[in-house]
Amino acid sequence: MAQTPAEPDAAALEACAQSAVQALPQSASSPPQRPTLPDRLSATGQRRVLLYLWSPRMVLSAEHAGEVQAVAQALGLAWLPVFDPRLPQAEVHAALASAAIPPLARTALRASWPLCDRALLQAPQTLRHFPTAFVYVQDEKGAWQRLGLPIVSAMPSVFWREAIEQRLALAQIANTTKK
C-alpha cells in the first residue's frame, strides 16, 4: 500500500477540484463551476450538516459510516460524506465495492466526493485520523459556521450522538448570547 502524503499539494488540490467539477451535472448554458464547501453544504437542503471525512485505509471509518449517518439524521442533520483527497479515486471505489464494507455503510458512503476545501484540509486534525467529522450550521444570513472541534474517532453510536449534541449546544449558546 502506497504511503499517503502528509498534506495535499497545489497539484493534488487542482486535480481534486477538477474531479469534483466532472462529477457535477453538466449544463449546456453555462460552464461547470468548482463546487465550494459552502455550495456542497447548501446542496443538502438543510441548515445543519455533519461532514464525515473517511478513508478506505482506516477500515473502521468506512465500516461504521451507516451507523454515524443514522445518528446524524436522527438529530436532524444532513449527511455529507467526503473522502481523503490524497488517495486515488480507484482505491476509494474499490473499497466501496468490497464485501468487507457492510451494505448500510456502502449506502451511506456512495455519494462521497473528495474533500477539496483548502482551508479545511489545512486545519489541525482534519487529516490526522479517520473518521473525522465536522458539524456545520447555517446562520440567518446564509453563512456556514463550523461548530467546535472536529469529532475524531471511530466509536460507538452513543458517543457520536453525544459529540454531535455537544456541538449543536454550542450553536444554541451562541444564538442566546447574540440576543
N, C-alpha and C. Protein backbone atom coordinates (compact mmCIF):
# COMPACT_ATOMS: atom_id res chain seq x y z
N MET A 1 0.84 -1.17 0.00
CA MET A 1 0.00 0.00 0.00
C MET A 1 0.89 1.24 0.00
N ALA A 2 0.62 2.15 -0.91
CA ALA A 2 1.41 3.36 -1.03
C ALA A 2 1.21 4.23 0.21
N GLN A 3 2.28 4.94 0.56
CA GLN A 3 2.18 5.84 1.70
C GLN A 3 1.40 7.08 1.29
N THR A 4 0.60 7.58 2.18
CA THR A 4 -0.21 8.77 1.93
C THR A 4 0.63 10.00 2.22
N PRO A 5 0.68 10.98 1.29
CA PRO A 5 1.42 12.21 1.57
C PRO A 5 0.83 12.94 2.77
N ALA A 6 1.66 13.74 3.43
CA ALA A 6 1.22 14.43 4.64
C ALA A 6 0.11 15.44 4.39
N GLU A 7 0.15 16.12 3.29
CA GLU A 7 -0.84 17.17 3.01
C GLU A 7 -0.97 17.31 1.50
N PRO A 8 -2.18 17.51 1.00
CA PRO A 8 -2.32 17.69 -0.45
C PRO A 8 -1.56 18.93 -0.91
N ASP A 9 -0.79 18.79 -1.99
CA ASP A 9 -0.12 19.95 -2.55
C ASP A 9 -1.04 20.65 -3.55
N ALA A 10 -0.56 21.73 -4.14
CA ALA A 10 -1.40 22.52 -5.06
C ALA A 10 -1.87 21.68 -6.24
N ALA A 11 -1.00 20.83 -6.78
CA ALA A 11 -1.40 19.99 -7.93
C ALA A 11 -2.48 19.00 -7.52
N ALA A 12 -2.35 18.44 -6.33
CA ALA A 12 -3.36 17.48 -5.86
C ALA A 12 -4.70 18.17 -5.63
N LEU A 13 -4.68 19.38 -5.10
CA LEU A 13 -5.93 20.13 -4.89
C LEU A 13 -6.56 20.51 -6.22
N GLU A 14 -5.75 20.84 -7.21
CA GLU A 14 -6.28 21.17 -8.54
C GLU A 14 -6.94 19.93 -9.15
N ALA A 15 -6.26 18.78 -9.07
CA ALA A 15 -6.84 17.54 -9.59
C ALA A 15 -8.12 17.19 -8.84
N CYS A 16 -8.12 17.42 -7.54
CA CYS A 16 -9.30 17.16 -6.71
C CYS A 16 -10.46 18.04 -7.18
N ALA A 17 -10.19 19.31 -7.38
CA ALA A 17 -11.23 20.23 -7.83
C ALA A 17 -11.75 19.85 -9.21
N GLN A 18 -10.85 19.43 -10.10
CA GLN A 18 -11.28 19.04 -11.45
C GLN A 18 -12.18 17.81 -11.40
N SER A 19 -11.83 16.84 -10.55
CA SER A 19 -12.66 15.63 -10.46
C SER A 19 -14.01 15.97 -9.84
N ALA A 20 -14.04 16.92 -8.93
CA ALA A 20 -15.32 17.35 -8.34
C ALA A 20 -16.19 18.03 -9.38
N VAL A 21 -15.58 18.83 -10.26
CA VAL A 21 -16.33 19.51 -11.32
C VAL A 21 -16.88 18.48 -12.29
N GLN A 22 -16.08 17.49 -12.65
CA GLN A 22 -16.52 16.47 -13.60
C GLN A 22 -17.68 15.65 -13.06
N ALA A 23 -17.79 15.54 -11.75
CA ALA A 23 -18.87 14.76 -11.14
C ALA A 23 -20.20 15.51 -11.12
N LEU A 24 -20.16 16.82 -11.38
CA LEU A 24 -21.38 17.61 -11.36
C LEU A 24 -22.20 17.42 -12.63
N PRO A 25 -23.52 17.56 -12.54
CA PRO A 25 -24.33 17.55 -13.76
C PRO A 25 -23.92 18.71 -14.66
N GLN A 26 -23.81 18.45 -15.94
CA GLN A 26 -23.36 19.46 -16.90
C GLN A 26 -24.55 20.22 -17.47
N SER A 27 -24.38 21.50 -17.68
CA SER A 27 -25.40 22.35 -18.28
C SER A 27 -24.83 22.94 -19.57
N ALA A 28 -25.61 22.89 -20.63
CA ALA A 28 -25.15 23.43 -21.90
C ALA A 28 -25.07 24.95 -21.86
N SER A 29 -25.82 25.58 -20.99
CA SER A 29 -25.89 27.04 -20.98
C SER A 29 -24.75 27.70 -20.20
N SER A 30 -24.11 26.97 -19.32
CA SER A 30 -23.03 27.59 -18.54
C SER A 30 -21.94 26.57 -18.27
N PRO A 31 -20.69 27.04 -18.24
CA PRO A 31 -19.60 26.12 -17.95
C PRO A 31 -19.68 25.65 -16.49
N PRO A 32 -19.16 24.45 -16.20
CA PRO A 32 -19.22 23.97 -14.82
C PRO A 32 -18.36 24.83 -13.90
N GLN A 33 -18.86 25.07 -12.71
CA GLN A 33 -18.14 25.83 -11.71
C GLN A 33 -17.61 24.86 -10.65
N ARG A 34 -16.50 25.22 -10.06
CA ARG A 34 -15.96 24.39 -8.98
C ARG A 34 -16.88 24.49 -7.78
N PRO A 35 -17.33 23.37 -7.28
CA PRO A 35 -18.18 23.44 -6.08
C PRO A 35 -17.32 23.77 -4.85
N THR A 36 -17.77 24.73 -4.08
CA THR A 36 -17.07 25.06 -2.85
C THR A 36 -17.70 24.26 -1.72
N LEU A 37 -17.04 24.25 -0.58
CA LEU A 37 -17.61 23.57 0.57
C LEU A 37 -18.97 24.17 0.94
N PRO A 38 -19.11 25.50 1.00
CA PRO A 38 -20.45 26.04 1.27
C PRO A 38 -21.49 25.61 0.23
N ASP A 39 -21.08 25.51 -1.04
CA ASP A 39 -22.00 25.02 -2.08
C ASP A 39 -22.48 23.61 -1.74
N ARG A 40 -21.54 22.76 -1.36
CA ARG A 40 -21.89 21.37 -1.04
C ARG A 40 -22.79 21.31 0.19
N LEU A 41 -22.48 22.12 1.19
CA LEU A 41 -23.31 22.14 2.40
C LEU A 41 -24.72 22.62 2.06
N SER A 42 -24.81 23.67 1.27
CA SER A 42 -26.12 24.22 0.89
C SER A 42 -26.92 23.24 0.04
N ALA A 43 -26.23 22.45 -0.77
CA ALA A 43 -26.91 21.50 -1.66
C ALA A 43 -27.64 20.41 -0.89
N THR A 44 -27.35 20.25 0.40
CA THR A 44 -28.07 19.25 1.19
C THR A 44 -29.51 19.69 1.44
N GLY A 45 -29.77 20.98 1.33
CA GLY A 45 -31.12 21.49 1.57
C GLY A 45 -31.47 21.64 3.04
N GLN A 46 -30.48 21.44 3.91
CA GLN A 46 -30.72 21.59 5.34
C GLN A 46 -29.77 22.62 5.92
N ARG A 47 -30.10 23.10 7.10
CA ARG A 47 -29.28 24.12 7.76
C ARG A 47 -28.28 23.54 8.75
N ARG A 48 -28.37 22.25 8.99
CA ARG A 48 -27.41 21.57 9.89
C ARG A 48 -26.88 20.35 9.16
N VAL A 49 -25.55 20.23 9.14
CA VAL A 49 -24.92 19.17 8.34
C VAL A 49 -23.78 18.53 9.13
N LEU A 50 -23.66 17.20 9.01
CA LEU A 50 -22.48 16.51 9.51
C LEU A 50 -21.63 16.15 8.30
N LEU A 51 -20.47 16.77 8.20
CA LEU A 51 -19.49 16.46 7.16
C LEU A 51 -18.62 15.33 7.69
N TYR A 52 -18.66 14.18 7.03
CA TYR A 52 -17.99 12.96 7.51
C TYR A 52 -16.84 12.62 6.58
N LEU A 53 -15.62 12.78 7.05
CA LEU A 53 -14.40 12.51 6.28
C LEU A 53 -13.89 11.11 6.62
N TRP A 54 -13.80 10.25 5.58
CA TRP A 54 -13.40 8.87 5.80
C TRP A 54 -12.26 8.50 4.85
N SER A 55 -11.66 7.36 5.12
CA SER A 55 -10.60 6.84 4.26
C SER A 55 -10.71 5.32 4.20
N PRO A 56 -10.56 4.74 3.01
CA PRO A 56 -10.56 3.27 2.93
C PRO A 56 -9.35 2.66 3.64
N ARG A 57 -8.37 3.46 3.94
CA ARG A 57 -7.18 2.95 4.65
C ARG A 57 -7.41 2.89 6.15
N MET A 58 -8.50 3.45 6.62
CA MET A 58 -8.93 3.30 8.02
C MET A 58 -10.29 2.62 7.95
N VAL A 59 -10.26 1.31 8.00
CA VAL A 59 -11.44 0.50 7.73
C VAL A 59 -12.63 0.86 8.62
N LEU A 60 -12.38 1.15 9.87
CA LEU A 60 -13.49 1.48 10.77
C LEU A 60 -14.23 2.73 10.32
N SER A 61 -13.54 3.65 9.66
CA SER A 61 -14.22 4.86 9.19
C SER A 61 -15.23 4.53 8.10
N ALA A 62 -14.98 3.47 7.36
CA ALA A 62 -15.94 3.02 6.34
C ALA A 62 -17.00 2.11 6.96
N GLU A 63 -16.58 1.17 7.77
CA GLU A 63 -17.50 0.17 8.33
C GLU A 63 -18.62 0.78 9.17
N HIS A 64 -18.33 1.84 9.89
CA HIS A 64 -19.31 2.42 10.81
C HIS A 64 -20.06 3.63 10.24
N ALA A 65 -19.82 3.95 8.99
CA ALA A 65 -20.43 5.14 8.40
C ALA A 65 -21.96 5.09 8.44
N GLY A 66 -22.54 3.94 8.20
CA GLY A 66 -24.01 3.83 8.23
C GLY A 66 -24.59 4.15 9.59
N GLU A 67 -23.90 3.70 10.63
CA GLU A 67 -24.36 3.98 11.99
C GLU A 67 -24.26 5.47 12.31
N VAL A 68 -23.17 6.09 11.88
CA VAL A 68 -22.98 7.52 12.14
C VAL A 68 -24.02 8.32 11.36
N GLN A 69 -24.29 7.91 10.12
CA GLN A 69 -25.31 8.59 9.33
C GLN A 69 -26.66 8.53 10.05
N ALA A 70 -27.01 7.38 10.59
CA ALA A 70 -28.29 7.22 11.29
C ALA A 70 -28.36 8.15 12.50
N VAL A 71 -27.28 8.28 13.24
CA VAL A 71 -27.25 9.17 14.40
C VAL A 71 -27.43 10.62 13.94
N ALA A 72 -26.67 11.02 12.92
CA ALA A 72 -26.75 12.40 12.44
C ALA A 72 -28.17 12.73 11.97
N GLN A 73 -28.75 11.83 11.20
CA GLN A 73 -30.10 12.09 10.68
C GLN A 73 -31.14 12.09 11.80
N ALA A 74 -30.96 11.24 12.80
CA ALA A 74 -31.88 11.24 13.93
C ALA A 74 -31.83 12.56 14.70
N LEU A 75 -30.68 13.22 14.65
CA LEU A 75 -30.52 14.52 15.32
C LEU A 75 -30.87 15.69 14.40
N GLY A 76 -31.36 15.38 13.21
CA GLY A 76 -31.80 16.42 12.29
C GLY A 76 -30.70 17.04 11.44
N LEU A 77 -29.59 16.34 11.28
CA LEU A 77 -28.50 16.84 10.45
C LEU A 77 -28.50 16.12 9.11
N ALA A 78 -28.17 16.84 8.07
CA ALA A 78 -27.94 16.21 6.77
C ALA A 78 -26.60 15.47 6.84
N TRP A 79 -26.46 14.47 6.03
CA TRP A 79 -25.26 13.63 5.97
C TRP A 79 -24.48 14.00 4.72
N LEU A 80 -23.21 14.36 4.87
CA LEU A 80 -22.38 14.72 3.73
C LEU A 80 -21.04 13.98 3.83
N PRO A 81 -20.92 12.83 3.16
CA PRO A 81 -19.68 12.06 3.23
C PRO A 81 -18.63 12.56 2.23
N VAL A 82 -17.41 12.68 2.68
CA VAL A 82 -16.27 13.04 1.84
C VAL A 82 -15.12 12.10 2.17
N PHE A 83 -14.20 11.96 1.22
CA PHE A 83 -13.06 11.08 1.47
C PHE A 83 -11.74 11.83 1.33
N ASP A 84 -10.69 11.20 1.86
CA ASP A 84 -9.34 11.73 1.85
C ASP A 84 -8.91 12.00 0.40
N PRO A 85 -8.67 13.26 0.04
CA PRO A 85 -8.35 13.58 -1.35
C PRO A 85 -6.95 13.15 -1.78
N ARG A 86 -6.13 12.71 -0.85
CA ARG A 86 -4.78 12.28 -1.20
C ARG A 86 -4.76 10.90 -1.83
N LEU A 87 -5.89 10.20 -1.76
CA LEU A 87 -5.94 8.83 -2.26
C LEU A 87 -6.45 8.75 -3.69
N PRO A 88 -6.00 7.75 -4.43
CA PRO A 88 -6.54 7.56 -5.78
C PRO A 88 -8.02 7.20 -5.70
N GLN A 89 -8.81 7.79 -6.60
CA GLN A 89 -10.24 7.50 -6.58
C GLN A 89 -10.51 6.03 -6.83
N ALA A 90 -9.66 5.36 -7.58
CA ALA A 90 -9.85 3.93 -7.83
C ALA A 90 -9.80 3.14 -6.52
N GLU A 91 -8.97 3.56 -5.60
CA GLU A 91 -8.88 2.90 -4.29
C GLU A 91 -10.17 3.09 -3.50
N VAL A 92 -10.73 4.28 -3.57
CA VAL A 92 -11.98 4.57 -2.88
C VAL A 92 -13.12 3.74 -3.48
N HIS A 93 -13.19 3.71 -4.82
CA HIS A 93 -14.25 2.93 -5.49
C HIS A 93 -14.12 1.44 -5.19
N ALA A 94 -12.90 0.94 -5.14
CA ALA A 94 -12.68 -0.48 -4.82
C ALA A 94 -13.15 -0.78 -3.40
N ALA A 95 -12.87 0.13 -2.49
CA ALA A 95 -13.31 -0.09 -1.10
C ALA A 95 -14.83 -0.12 -1.02
N LEU A 96 -15.49 0.77 -1.75
CA LEU A 96 -16.95 0.82 -1.72
C LEU A 96 -17.59 -0.40 -2.37
N ALA A 97 -16.85 -1.06 -3.24
CA ALA A 97 -17.36 -2.26 -3.90
C ALA A 97 -17.05 -3.53 -3.10
N SER A 98 -16.24 -3.39 -2.08
CA SER A 98 -15.80 -4.54 -1.29
C SER A 98 -16.92 -5.10 -0.42
N ALA A 99 -16.98 -6.41 -0.36
CA ALA A 99 -17.94 -7.08 0.51
C ALA A 99 -17.59 -6.89 1.99
N ALA A 100 -16.37 -6.44 2.26
CA ALA A 100 -15.95 -6.22 3.64
C ALA A 100 -16.67 -5.03 4.28
N ILE A 101 -17.18 -4.13 3.46
CA ILE A 101 -17.90 -2.97 3.97
C ILE A 101 -19.37 -3.35 4.06
N PRO A 102 -20.00 -3.21 5.22
CA PRO A 102 -21.42 -3.57 5.36
C PRO A 102 -22.29 -2.77 4.38
N PRO A 103 -23.38 -3.37 3.92
CA PRO A 103 -24.25 -2.69 2.96
C PRO A 103 -24.73 -1.31 3.43
N LEU A 104 -25.09 -1.18 4.70
CA LEU A 104 -25.54 0.11 5.22
C LEU A 104 -24.45 1.16 5.08
N ALA A 105 -23.22 0.78 5.34
CA ALA A 105 -22.09 1.70 5.22
C ALA A 105 -21.83 2.06 3.76
N ARG A 106 -21.89 1.07 2.88
CA ARG A 106 -21.70 1.36 1.45
C ARG A 106 -22.74 2.35 0.96
N THR A 107 -23.98 2.17 1.39
CA THR A 107 -25.04 3.10 1.01
C THR A 107 -24.75 4.49 1.55
N ALA A 108 -24.30 4.59 2.79
CA ALA A 108 -24.00 5.88 3.41
C ALA A 108 -22.86 6.61 2.70
N LEU A 109 -21.91 5.85 2.16
CA LEU A 109 -20.72 6.45 1.56
C LEU A 109 -20.81 6.58 0.04
N ARG A 110 -21.84 6.05 -0.55
CA ARG A 110 -21.95 6.02 -2.02
C ARG A 110 -21.81 7.40 -2.65
N ALA A 111 -22.35 8.41 -2.03
CA ALA A 111 -22.31 9.77 -2.60
C ALA A 111 -21.06 10.54 -2.20
N SER A 112 -20.04 9.87 -1.71
CA SER A 112 -18.82 10.54 -1.27
C SER A 112 -18.12 11.25 -2.43
N TRP A 113 -17.49 12.35 -2.09
CA TRP A 113 -16.67 13.09 -3.05
C TRP A 113 -15.38 13.47 -2.34
N PRO A 114 -14.31 13.76 -3.08
CA PRO A 114 -13.06 14.12 -2.41
C PRO A 114 -13.17 15.48 -1.74
N LEU A 115 -12.66 15.58 -0.54
CA LEU A 115 -12.65 16.85 0.17
C LEU A 115 -11.58 17.73 -0.45
N CYS A 116 -11.98 18.83 -1.08
CA CYS A 116 -11.06 19.70 -1.80
C CYS A 116 -10.94 21.09 -1.19
N ASP A 117 -11.52 21.31 -0.05
CA ASP A 117 -11.51 22.63 0.57
C ASP A 117 -10.16 22.88 1.24
N ARG A 118 -9.38 23.78 0.64
CA ARG A 118 -8.01 24.04 1.11
C ARG A 118 -7.98 24.44 2.59
N ALA A 119 -8.86 25.35 3.01
CA ALA A 119 -8.84 25.81 4.40
C ALA A 119 -9.12 24.67 5.37
N LEU A 120 -10.09 23.84 5.05
CA LEU A 120 -10.40 22.73 5.94
C LEU A 120 -9.28 21.70 5.95
N LEU A 121 -8.68 21.45 4.79
CA LEU A 121 -7.58 20.49 4.72
C LEU A 121 -6.37 20.96 5.51
N GLN A 122 -6.19 22.25 5.62
CA GLN A 122 -5.05 22.78 6.36
C GLN A 122 -5.34 22.97 7.85
N ALA A 123 -6.59 22.79 8.24
CA ALA A 123 -6.96 22.94 9.65
C ALA A 123 -6.37 21.78 10.46
N PRO A 124 -5.96 22.06 11.70
CA PRO A 124 -5.44 20.98 12.55
C PRO A 124 -6.47 19.86 12.70
N GLN A 125 -6.02 18.66 12.74
CA GLN A 125 -6.82 17.46 12.99
C GLN A 125 -7.55 16.92 11.76
N THR A 126 -7.71 17.69 10.68
CA THR A 126 -8.55 17.24 9.57
C THR A 126 -8.07 15.92 8.99
N LEU A 127 -6.80 15.80 8.69
CA LEU A 127 -6.29 14.58 8.05
C LEU A 127 -5.47 13.71 9.00
N ARG A 128 -5.59 13.95 10.27
CA ARG A 128 -4.78 13.22 11.25
C ARG A 128 -5.27 11.79 11.46
N HIS A 129 -6.57 11.59 11.45
CA HIS A 129 -7.15 10.28 11.73
C HIS A 129 -8.51 10.21 11.03
N PHE A 130 -8.97 9.01 10.80
CA PHE A 130 -10.27 8.82 10.15
C PHE A 130 -11.11 7.87 10.96
N PRO A 131 -12.40 8.14 11.12
CA PRO A 131 -13.10 9.27 10.55
C PRO A 131 -12.84 10.55 11.32
N THR A 132 -13.02 11.65 10.62
CA THR A 132 -13.06 12.97 11.22
C THR A 132 -14.35 13.61 10.74
N ALA A 133 -15.12 14.18 11.63
CA ALA A 133 -16.39 14.77 11.24
C ALA A 133 -16.48 16.20 11.79
N PHE A 134 -17.24 17.01 11.06
CA PHE A 134 -17.44 18.41 11.43
C PHE A 134 -18.93 18.69 11.40
N VAL A 135 -19.40 19.41 12.40
CA VAL A 135 -20.80 19.83 12.44
C VAL A 135 -20.85 21.27 11.94
N TYR A 136 -21.69 21.49 10.94
CA TYR A 136 -21.89 22.82 10.36
C TYR A 136 -23.35 23.24 10.55
N VAL A 137 -23.53 24.54 10.81
CA VAL A 137 -24.88 25.11 10.82
C VAL A 137 -24.87 26.37 9.97
N GLN A 138 -26.00 26.62 9.34
CA GLN A 138 -26.15 27.81 8.51
C GLN A 138 -26.86 28.88 9.32
N ASP A 139 -26.29 30.07 9.37
CA ASP A 139 -26.91 31.14 10.14
C ASP A 139 -28.01 31.83 9.33
N GLU A 140 -28.65 32.81 9.96
CA GLU A 140 -29.78 33.50 9.33
C GLU A 140 -29.41 34.21 8.04
N LYS A 141 -28.14 34.58 7.89
CA LYS A 141 -27.67 35.28 6.69
C LYS A 141 -27.21 34.31 5.61
N GLY A 142 -27.25 33.02 5.90
CA GLY A 142 -26.85 32.02 4.91
C GLY A 142 -25.40 31.57 5.00
N ALA A 143 -24.64 32.13 5.93
CA ALA A 143 -23.24 31.74 6.10
C ALA A 143 -23.15 30.45 6.91
N TRP A 144 -22.18 29.61 6.55
CA TRP A 144 -21.98 28.35 7.25
C TRP A 144 -20.93 28.51 8.34
N GLN A 145 -21.23 27.98 9.52
CA GLN A 145 -20.33 28.03 10.67
C GLN A 145 -19.99 26.61 11.10
N ARG A 146 -18.71 26.35 11.32
CA ARG A 146 -18.29 25.06 11.86
C ARG A 146 -18.34 25.16 13.37
N LEU A 147 -18.99 24.19 14.00
CA LEU A 147 -19.18 24.22 15.44
C LEU A 147 -18.13 23.39 16.17
N GLY A 148 -17.41 24.01 17.06
CA GLY A 148 -16.49 23.30 17.93
C GLY A 148 -15.36 22.62 17.19
N LEU A 149 -14.73 21.71 17.90
CA LEU A 149 -13.62 20.96 17.36
C LEU A 149 -14.13 19.81 16.50
N PRO A 150 -13.26 19.29 15.62
CA PRO A 150 -13.69 18.13 14.84
C PRO A 150 -13.92 16.93 15.76
N ILE A 151 -14.77 16.06 15.31
CA ILE A 151 -15.00 14.79 16.02
C ILE A 151 -14.07 13.78 15.36
N VAL A 152 -13.09 13.32 16.12
CA VAL A 152 -12.04 12.47 15.55
C VAL A 152 -12.02 11.14 16.28
N SER A 153 -12.66 10.12 15.67
CA SER A 153 -12.61 8.81 16.28
C SER A 153 -13.60 7.86 15.64
N ALA A 154 -13.23 6.59 15.63
CA ALA A 154 -14.20 5.53 15.36
C ALA A 154 -14.71 5.12 16.74
N MET A 155 -16.00 5.25 16.96
CA MET A 155 -16.54 4.99 18.30
C MET A 155 -17.99 4.54 18.20
N PRO A 156 -18.52 3.98 19.27
CA PRO A 156 -19.92 3.55 19.26
C PRO A 156 -20.88 4.71 19.03
N SER A 157 -22.05 4.39 18.52
CA SER A 157 -23.07 5.39 18.17
C SER A 157 -23.42 6.32 19.32
N VAL A 158 -23.48 5.79 20.54
CA VAL A 158 -23.86 6.62 21.69
C VAL A 158 -22.88 7.78 21.86
N PHE A 159 -21.60 7.56 21.57
CA PHE A 159 -20.61 8.62 21.72
C PHE A 159 -20.67 9.60 20.54
N TRP A 160 -21.03 9.11 19.36
CA TRP A 160 -21.25 10.01 18.23
C TRP A 160 -22.40 10.96 18.56
N ARG A 161 -23.47 10.40 19.09
CA ARG A 161 -24.63 11.22 19.46
C ARG A 161 -24.20 12.31 20.45
N GLU A 162 -23.47 11.91 21.47
CA GLU A 162 -23.04 12.86 22.49
C GLU A 162 -22.16 13.95 21.89
N ALA A 163 -21.22 13.58 21.04
CA ALA A 163 -20.30 14.55 20.43
C ALA A 163 -21.05 15.54 19.54
N ILE A 164 -21.99 15.03 18.75
CA ILE A 164 -22.78 15.91 17.87
C ILE A 164 -23.66 16.83 18.71
N GLU A 165 -24.31 16.29 19.74
CA GLU A 165 -25.17 17.11 20.60
C GLU A 165 -24.37 18.22 21.29
N GLN A 166 -23.14 17.92 21.70
CA GLN A 166 -22.30 18.94 22.33
C GLN A 166 -22.04 20.09 21.37
N ARG A 167 -21.78 19.78 20.11
CA ARG A 167 -21.51 20.83 19.14
C ARG A 167 -22.77 21.62 18.81
N LEU A 168 -23.90 20.94 18.74
CA LEU A 168 -25.16 21.66 18.50
C LEU A 168 -25.49 22.58 19.66
N ALA A 169 -25.13 22.17 20.87
CA ALA A 169 -25.35 23.02 22.04
C ALA A 169 -24.54 24.31 21.93
N LEU A 170 -23.38 24.26 21.28
CA LEU A 170 -22.58 25.47 21.07
C LEU A 170 -23.35 26.48 20.23
N ALA A 171 -24.07 26.00 19.23
CA ALA A 171 -24.86 26.90 18.38
C ALA A 171 -25.98 27.55 19.18
N GLN A 172 -26.60 26.79 20.06
CA GLN A 172 -27.67 27.34 20.89
C GLN A 172 -27.13 28.40 21.84
N ILE A 173 -25.97 28.13 22.41
CA ILE A 173 -25.34 29.11 23.31
C ILE A 173 -25.00 30.37 22.54
N ALA A 174 -24.44 30.21 21.34
CA ALA A 174 -24.06 31.38 20.52
C ALA A 174 -25.31 32.19 20.16
N ASN A 175 -26.39 31.53 19.82
CA ASN A 175 -27.63 32.25 19.48
C ASN A 175 -28.20 32.97 20.68
N THR A 176 -28.09 32.40 21.85
CA THR A 176 -28.61 33.00 23.08
C THR A 176 -27.80 34.26 23.43
N THR A 177 -26.49 34.20 23.26
CA THR A 177 -25.66 35.35 23.63
C THR A 177 -25.78 36.48 22.63
N LYS A 178 -26.21 36.20 21.39
CA LYS A 178 -26.37 37.26 20.39
C LYS A 178 -27.62 38.10 20.66
N LYS A 179 -28.59 37.55 21.34
CA LYS A 179 -29.87 38.24 21.55
C LYS A 179 -29.82 39.18 22.72
